[in-house]
Amino acid sequence: MLKEKQQSWLSLNMSDSVLMVEVVTPEKRVWSGEAKMISARTLEGDLGVLPGHAPLLGVLADGTVSVKAIDGSTNDFLINGGFISVSNNRVSILGESAN
């Protein structure tokens, strides 16, 4: 019984080990994919998002949002105003513009 619980817990954690991320503007989807970590600056301060993060909705300050993809690459986007939404390992970065 204990072994079954351990396997169940392991499989749950494996599925929770990545973030599904979208970076979008009103004109287009800038980037989407799986990531290990997101860092961004909100009006309330710096924010780091890892898999399993609590749900949140934040207002992004102008600045860089960094997405560390599962392949180890880092994608930096200059965001000019927008929002970040986190729920169930899904992260949406909604920017007025993103470069």
C-alpha atoms as a PDB file:
ATOM      1  CA  MET A   1       0.000   0.000   0.000  1.00  0.00           C
ATOM      2  CA  LEU A   2       2.786   2.423   0.924  1.00  0.00           C
ATOM      3  CA  LYS A   3       4.615   1.709  -2.334  1.00  0.00           C
ATOM      4  CA  GLU A   4       1.432   2.485  -4.332  1.00  0.00           C
ATOM      5  CA  LYS A   5       1.079   5.812  -2.516  1.00  0.00           C
ATOM      6  CA  GLN A   6       4.732   6.645  -3.206  1.00  0.00           C
ATOM      7  CA  GLN A   7       4.321   5.858  -6.918  1.00  0.00           C
ATOM      8  CA  SER A   8       1.135   7.931  -7.047  1.00  0.00           C
ATOM      9  CA  TRP A   9       2.908  10.837  -5.358  1.00  0.00           C
ATOM     10  CA  LEU A  10       5.885  10.507  -7.718  1.00  0.00           C
ATOM     11  CA  SER A  11       3.729  10.539 -10.839  1.00  0.00           C
ATOM     12  CA  LEU A  12       1.821  13.550  -9.523  1.00  0.00           C
ATOM     13  CA  ASN A  13       5.067  15.436  -8.904  1.00  0.00           C
ATOM     14  CA  MET A  14       6.479  14.522 -12.324  1.00  0.00           C
ATOM     15  CA  SER A  15       3.426  15.975 -14.065  1.00  0.00           C
ATOM     16  CA  ASP A  16       3.740  19.119 -11.939  1.00  0.00           C
ATOM     17  CA  SER A  17       7.402  19.689 -12.810  1.00  0.00           C
ATOM     18  CA  VAL A  18       6.862  22.032 -15.769  1.00  0.00           C
ATOM     19  CA  LEU A  19       4.991  25.220 -16.509  1.00  0.00           C
ATOM     20  CA  MET A  20       2.983  25.713 -19.686  1.00  0.00           C
ATOM     21  CA  VAL A  21       3.728  29.298 -20.710  1.00  0.00           C
ATOM     22  CA  GLU A  22       2.300  31.737 -23.249  1.00  0.00           C
ATOM     23  CA  VAL A  23       3.619  35.236 -23.920  1.00  0.00           C
ATOM     24  CA  VAL A  24       1.067  37.179 -25.960  1.00  0.00           C
ATOM     25  CA  THR A  25       0.315  40.704 -27.157  1.00  0.00           C
ATOM     26  CA  PRO A  26      -2.873  42.001 -28.771  1.00  0.00           C
ATOM     27  CA  GLU A  27      -1.270  41.361 -32.185  1.00  0.00           C
ATOM     28  CA  LYS A  28       0.268  37.898 -31.792  1.00  0.00           C
ATOM     29  CA  ARG A  29       1.531  35.016 -29.687  1.00  0.00           C
ATOM     30  CA  VAL A  30       5.175  35.878 -29.061  1.00  0.00           C
ATOM     31  CA  TRP A  31       6.247  32.591 -27.437  1.00  0.00           C
ATOM     32  CA  SER A  32       4.689  29.459 -26.013  1.00  0.00           C
ATOM     33  CA  GLY A  33       6.141  26.301 -24.568  1.00  0.00           C
ATOM     34  CA  GLU A  34       7.205  24.449 -21.447  1.00  0.00           C
ATOM     35  CA  ALA A  35       9.356  26.145 -18.830  1.00  0.00           C
ATOM     36  CA  LYS A  36      11.060  25.474 -15.507  1.00  0.00           C
ATOM     37  CA  MET A  37      10.834  29.011 -14.149  1.00  0.00           C
ATOM     38  CA  ILE A  38       9.517  32.493 -14.867  1.00  0.00           C
ATOM     39  CA  SER A  39      10.822  35.725 -13.383  1.00  0.00           C
ATOM     40  CA  ALA A  40       9.019  39.010 -13.765  1.00  0.00           C
ATOM     41  CA  ARG A  41       8.563  42.362 -12.086  1.00  0.00           C
ATOM     42  CA  THR A  42       5.074  43.330 -10.986  1.00  0.00           C
ATOM     43  CA  LEU A  43       3.916  46.604  -9.479  1.00  0.00           C
ATOM     44  CA  GLU A  44       4.212  44.855  -6.094  1.00  0.00           C
ATOM     45  CA  GLY A  45       7.801  43.687  -6.655  1.00  0.00           C
ATOM     46  CA  ASP A  46       9.851  40.913  -8.216  1.00  0.00           C
ATOM     47  CA  LEU A  47       8.163  37.582  -8.774  1.00  0.00           C
ATOM     48  CA  GLY A  48       9.506  34.088  -9.383  1.00  0.00           C
ATOM     49  CA  VAL A  49       7.182  31.336 -10.582  1.00  0.00           C
ATOM     50  CA  LEU A  50       8.057  27.649 -10.295  1.00  0.00           C
ATOM     51  CA  PRO A  51       5.854  24.612 -10.946  1.00  0.00           C
ATOM     52  CA  GLY A  52       3.231  24.274  -8.222  1.00  0.00           C
ATOM     53  CA  HIS A  53       3.011  28.049  -7.624  1.00  0.00           C
ATOM     54  CA  ALA A  54      -0.183  29.310  -5.994  1.00  0.00           C
ATOM     55  CA  PRO A  55      -2.705  30.934  -8.350  1.00  0.00           C
ATOM     56  CA  LEU A  56      -2.204  34.661  -8.859  1.00  0.00           C
ATOM     57  CA  LEU A  57      -3.035  37.575 -11.095  1.00  0.00           C
ATOM     58  CA  GLY A  58      -0.549  40.445 -11.160  1.00  0.00           C
ATOM     59  CA  VAL A  59       0.016  43.718 -12.978  1.00  0.00           C
ATOM     60  CA  LEU A  60       3.377  43.713 -14.758  1.00  0.00           C
ATOM     61  CA  ALA A  61       5.702  46.670 -14.448  1.00  0.00           C
ATOM     62  CA  ASP A  62       7.580  47.715 -17.575  1.00  0.00           C
ATOM     63  CA  GLY A  63      10.672  45.540 -17.792  1.00  0.00           C
ATOM     64  CA  THR A  64      12.038  42.125 -18.627  1.00  0.00           C
ATOM     65  CA  VAL A  65      10.201  38.849 -18.173  1.00  0.00           C
ATOM     66  CA  SER A  66      12.558  35.859 -18.248  1.00  0.00           C
ATOM     67  CA  VAL A  67      11.379  32.388 -19.182  1.00  0.00           C
ATOM     68  CA  LYS A  68      13.755  29.508 -18.451  1.00  0.00           C
ATOM     69  CA  ALA A  69      12.676  26.768 -20.871  1.00  0.00           C
ATOM     70  CA  ILE A  70      12.960  23.081 -20.026  1.00  0.00           C
ATOM     71  CA  ASP A  71      15.854  22.727 -22.491  1.00  0.00           C
ATOM     72  CA  GLY A  72      17.867  25.150 -20.322  1.00  0.00           C
ATOM     73  CA  SER A  73      17.626  28.137 -22.673  1.00  0.00           C
ATOM     74  CA  THR A  74      16.469  31.489 -21.322  1.00  0.00           C
ATOM     75  CA  ASN A  75      14.109  33.699 -23.289  1.00  0.00           C
ATOM     76  CA  ASP A  76      13.941  37.357 -22.227  1.00  0.00           C
ATOM     77  CA  PHE A  77      11.022  39.542 -23.277  1.00  0.00           C
ATOM     78  CA  LEU A  78      10.836  43.307 -22.816  1.00  0.00           C
ATOM     79  CA  ILE A  79       7.249  43.858 -21.681  1.00  0.00           C
ATOM     80  CA  ASN A  80       5.604  47.276 -21.706  1.00  0.00           C
ATOM     81  CA  GLY A  81       2.633  47.020 -19.370  1.00  0.00           C
ATOM     82  CA  GLY A  82       0.422  44.011 -18.971  1.00  0.00           C
ATOM     83  CA  PHE A  83      -0.614  41.171 -16.712  1.00  0.00           C
ATOM     84  CA  ILE A  84       0.625  37.807 -15.498  1.00  0.00           C
ATOM     85  CA  SER A  85      -1.752  34.994 -14.653  1.00  0.00           C
ATOM     86  CA  VAL A  86      -0.727  31.763 -12.907  1.00  0.00           C
ATOM     87  CA  SER A  87      -3.081  28.828 -12.368  1.00  0.00           C
ATOM     88  CA  ASN A  88      -2.561  25.049 -12.385  1.00  0.00           C
ATOM     89  CA  ASN A  89       0.997  25.323 -13.782  1.00  0.00           C
ATOM     90  CA  ARG A  90      -0.230  27.508 -16.648  1.00  0.00           C
ATOM     91  CA  VAL A  91       1.319  30.953 -16.964  1.00  0.00           C
ATOM     92  CA  SER A  92      -0.021  33.641 -19.269  1.00  0.00           C
ATOM     93  CA  ILE A  93       2.007  36.796 -19.839  1.00  0.00           C
ATOM     94  CA  LEU A  94      -0.237  39.381 -21.480  1.00  0.00           C
ATOM     95  CA  GLY A  95       1.685  42.445 -22.617  1.00  0.00           C
ATOM     96  CA  GLU A  96       0.787  45.625 -24.460  1.00  0.00           C
ATOM     97  CA  SER A  97       3.973  44.908 -26.395  1.00  0.00           C
ATOM     98  CA  ALA A  98       6.756  42.338 -26.090  1.00  0.00           C
ATOM     99  CA  ASN A  99      10.172  42.277 -27.763  1.00  0.00           C
END
